[in-house]
Amino acid sequence: MDIEILETCKKELRRFPSEIIEDFVDAVAKLKEGLSLAMPLSRKMPSIGPQVYELRFRDMLGAYRVIYFIKKRDAIYMVHAFTKKSQKTPQKNLDLAQKRVRRIR
């Protein structure tokens, strides 16, 4: 399956530490092979929409998330990357990811 990373998401990913980027690249390779990812690496995000998931990464400095959308038989789209600073995902991050997913659908 093809992997598409939105330009805005690429810019957001550049702020991640290199170790987290390595983990991200590994997770993307697994998705490209057609593997299904599960907790703790990935979880569904039904509040954003169907077929929307988040990749979950952590290091000593914090938690990092990448929201992705699986468009049937087309591609997997990486739509939003951010550093998580609290237990709950901020609404502004959910809204932004949802807006980007709508553009792809």
C-alpha atoms as a PDB file:
ATOM      1  CA  MET A   1       0.000   0.000   0.000  1.00  0.00           C
ATOM      2  CA  ASP A   2       1.241   3.490  -0.788  1.00  0.00           C
ATOM      3  CA  ILE A   3       2.112   5.858   2.038  1.00  0.00           C
ATOM      4  CA  GLU A   4       1.432   9.570   1.536  1.00  0.00           C
ATOM      5  CA  ILE A   5       2.688  12.135   4.036  1.00  0.00           C
ATOM      6  CA  LEU A   6       1.013  15.531   3.701  1.00  0.00           C
ATOM      7  CA  GLU A   7       3.469  18.420   3.372  1.00  0.00           C
ATOM      8  CA  THR A   8       2.110  19.986   6.553  1.00  0.00           C
ATOM      9  CA  CYS A   9       2.677  16.710   8.391  1.00  0.00           C
ATOM     10  CA  LYS A  10       6.256  16.506   7.069  1.00  0.00           C
ATOM     11  CA  LYS A  11       6.929  19.941   8.555  1.00  0.00           C
ATOM     12  CA  GLU A  12       5.460  18.822  11.887  1.00  0.00           C
ATOM     13  CA  LEU A  13       7.549  15.633  11.867  1.00  0.00           C
ATOM     14  CA  ARG A  14      10.753  17.661  11.491  1.00  0.00           C
ATOM     15  CA  ARG A  15      10.255  18.863  15.075  1.00  0.00           C
ATOM     16  CA  PHE A  16      10.419  15.294  16.429  1.00  0.00           C
ATOM     17  CA  PRO A  17      13.674  13.929  17.930  1.00  0.00           C
ATOM     18  CA  SER A  18      15.710  11.680  15.623  1.00  0.00           C
ATOM     19  CA  GLU A  19      15.001   8.570  17.750  1.00  0.00           C
ATOM     20  CA  ILE A  20      11.261   9.124  17.359  1.00  0.00           C
ATOM     21  CA  ILE A  21      11.682   9.623  13.595  1.00  0.00           C
ATOM     22  CA  GLU A  22      13.463   6.249  13.444  1.00  0.00           C
ATOM     23  CA  ASP A  23      10.522   4.618  15.241  1.00  0.00           C
ATOM     24  CA  PHE A  24       8.120   6.397  12.879  1.00  0.00           C
ATOM     25  CA  VAL A  25       9.980   5.148   9.787  1.00  0.00           C
ATOM     26  CA  ASP A  26       9.864   1.598  11.184  1.00  0.00           C
ATOM     27  CA  ALA A  27       6.104   1.837  11.829  1.00  0.00           C
ATOM     28  CA  VAL A  28       5.482   3.224   8.325  1.00  0.00           C
ATOM     29  CA  ALA A  29       7.471   0.327   6.823  1.00  0.00           C
ATOM     30  CA  LYS A  30       5.213  -2.128   8.661  1.00  0.00           C
ATOM     31  CA  LEU A  31       2.098  -0.357   7.388  1.00  0.00           C
ATOM     32  CA  LYS A  32       3.488  -0.357   3.847  1.00  0.00           C
ATOM     33  CA  GLU A  33       3.945  -4.144   4.119  1.00  0.00           C
ATOM     34  CA  GLY A  34       0.252  -4.423   4.953  1.00  0.00           C
ATOM     35  CA  LEU A  35       0.697  -5.269   8.625  1.00  0.00           C
ATOM     36  CA  SER A  36      -1.961  -4.191  11.096  1.00  0.00           C
ATOM     37  CA  LEU A  37      -0.566  -2.269  14.018  1.00  0.00           C
ATOM     38  CA  ALA A  38      -2.080  -2.476  17.505  1.00  0.00           C
ATOM     39  CA  MET A  39      -1.608  -0.991  20.959  1.00  0.00           C
ATOM     40  CA  PRO A  40       0.678   0.315  22.270  1.00  0.00           C
ATOM     41  CA  LEU A  41       2.013   1.485  18.877  1.00  0.00           C
ATOM     42  CA  SER A  42      -1.288   2.347  17.192  1.00  0.00           C
ATOM     43  CA  ARG A  43      -4.900   2.861  18.172  1.00  0.00           C
ATOM     44  CA  LYS A  44      -8.155   3.846  16.481  1.00  0.00           C
ATOM     45  CA  MET A  45      -9.317   7.452  16.647  1.00  0.00           C
ATOM     46  CA  PRO A  46     -13.108   7.164  16.159  1.00  0.00           C
ATOM     47  CA  SER A  47     -13.600  10.725  17.407  1.00  0.00           C
ATOM     48  CA  ILE A  48     -11.897  11.899  14.187  1.00  0.00           C
ATOM     49  CA  GLY A  49     -13.544   9.416  11.846  1.00  0.00           C
ATOM     50  CA  PRO A  50     -13.637   5.850  10.531  1.00  0.00           C
ATOM     51  CA  GLN A  51     -10.328   4.357   9.396  1.00  0.00           C
ATOM     52  CA  VAL A  52      -8.394   7.005  11.345  1.00  0.00           C
ATOM     53  CA  TYR A  53      -5.619   5.930  13.714  1.00  0.00           C
ATOM     54  CA  GLU A  54      -2.758   7.399  15.696  1.00  0.00           C
ATOM     55  CA  LEU A  55       0.810   6.184  15.901  1.00  0.00           C
ATOM     56  CA  ARG A  56       2.051   6.498  19.464  1.00  0.00           C
ATOM     57  CA  PHE A  57       5.679   7.122  20.390  1.00  0.00           C
ATOM     58  CA  ARG A  58       7.365   8.027  23.667  1.00  0.00           C
ATOM     59  CA  ASP A  59      10.805   8.997  24.921  1.00  0.00           C
ATOM     60  CA  MET A  60      12.153  10.494  28.135  1.00  0.00           C
ATOM     61  CA  LEU A  61      11.015  13.970  27.073  1.00  0.00           C
ATOM     62  CA  GLY A  62       7.424  13.210  26.172  1.00  0.00           C
ATOM     63  CA  ALA A  63       4.826  11.624  23.945  1.00  0.00           C
ATOM     64  CA  TYR A  64       4.519  12.047  20.193  1.00  0.00           C
ATOM     65  CA  ARG A  65       1.580  11.290  17.940  1.00  0.00           C
ATOM     66  CA  VAL A  66       1.053  10.935  14.202  1.00  0.00           C
ATOM     67  CA  ILE A  67      -2.541  10.743  12.973  1.00  0.00           C
ATOM     68  CA  TYR A  68      -3.089   8.654   9.853  1.00  0.00           C
ATOM     69  CA  PHE A  69      -6.010   7.737   7.637  1.00  0.00           C
ATOM     70  CA  ILE A  70      -6.410   4.529   5.629  1.00  0.00           C
ATOM     71  CA  LYS A  71      -8.248   5.132   2.371  1.00  0.00           C
ATOM     72  CA  LYS A  72      -9.432   1.768   1.069  1.00  0.00           C
ATOM     73  CA  ARG A  73      -7.249   0.268  -1.648  1.00  0.00           C
ATOM     74  CA  ASP A  74      -5.713   3.651  -2.269  1.00  0.00           C
ATOM     75  CA  ALA A  75      -3.134   4.689   0.304  1.00  0.00           C
ATOM     76  CA  ILE A  76      -2.373   5.475   3.899  1.00  0.00           C
ATOM     77  CA  TYR A  77      -2.207   9.205   4.534  1.00  0.00           C
ATOM     78  CA  MET A  78      -0.176  10.697   7.388  1.00  0.00           C
ATOM     79  CA  VAL A  79      -2.140  13.849   8.165  1.00  0.00           C
ATOM     80  CA  HIS A  80      -0.948  15.388  11.447  1.00  0.00           C
ATOM     81  CA  ALA A  81       2.021  15.034  13.812  1.00  0.00           C
ATOM     82  CA  PHE A  82       2.307  16.663  17.215  1.00  0.00           C
ATOM     83  CA  THR A  83       3.889  16.450  20.641  1.00  0.00           C
ATOM     84  CA  LYS A  84       1.403  15.488  23.303  1.00  0.00           C
ATOM     85  CA  LYS A  85       1.756  17.498  26.499  1.00  0.00           C
ATOM     86  CA  SER A  86      -1.157  16.161  28.555  1.00  0.00           C
ATOM     87  CA  GLN A  87      -3.042  12.918  29.136  1.00  0.00           C
ATOM     88  CA  LYS A  88      -5.904  13.921  26.861  1.00  0.00           C
ATOM     89  CA  THR A  89      -5.343  14.812  23.212  1.00  0.00           C
ATOM     90  CA  PRO A  90      -6.073  18.532  22.798  1.00  0.00           C
ATOM     91  CA  GLN A  91      -9.231  19.308  20.824  1.00  0.00           C
ATOM     92  CA  LYS A  92      -7.311  21.595  18.453  1.00  0.00           C
ATOM     93  CA  ASN A  93      -5.197  18.607  17.338  1.00  0.00           C
ATOM     94  CA  LEU A  94      -8.294  16.443  16.830  1.00  0.00           C
ATOM     95  CA  ASP A  95     -10.013  19.204  14.835  1.00  0.00           C
ATOM     96  CA  LEU A  96      -6.972  19.817  12.639  1.00  0.00           C
ATOM     97  CA  ALA A  97      -6.565  16.093  11.872  1.00  0.00           C
ATOM     98  CA  GLN A  98     -10.274  15.781  11.096  1.00  0.00           C
ATOM     99  CA  LYS A  99     -10.108  18.758   8.718  1.00  0.00           C
ATOM    100  CA  ARG A 100      -7.155  17.237   6.846  1.00  0.00           C
ATOM    101  CA  VAL A 101      -8.856  13.816   6.612  1.00  0.00           C
ATOM    102  CA  ARG A 102     -11.985  15.423   5.145  1.00  0.00           C
ATOM    103  CA  ARG A 103      -9.885  16.959   2.367  1.00  0.00           C
ATOM    104  CA  ILE A 104      -8.609  13.494   1.405  1.00  0.00           C
ATOM    105  CA  ARG A 105     -11.913  11.624   1.488  1.00  0.00           C
END
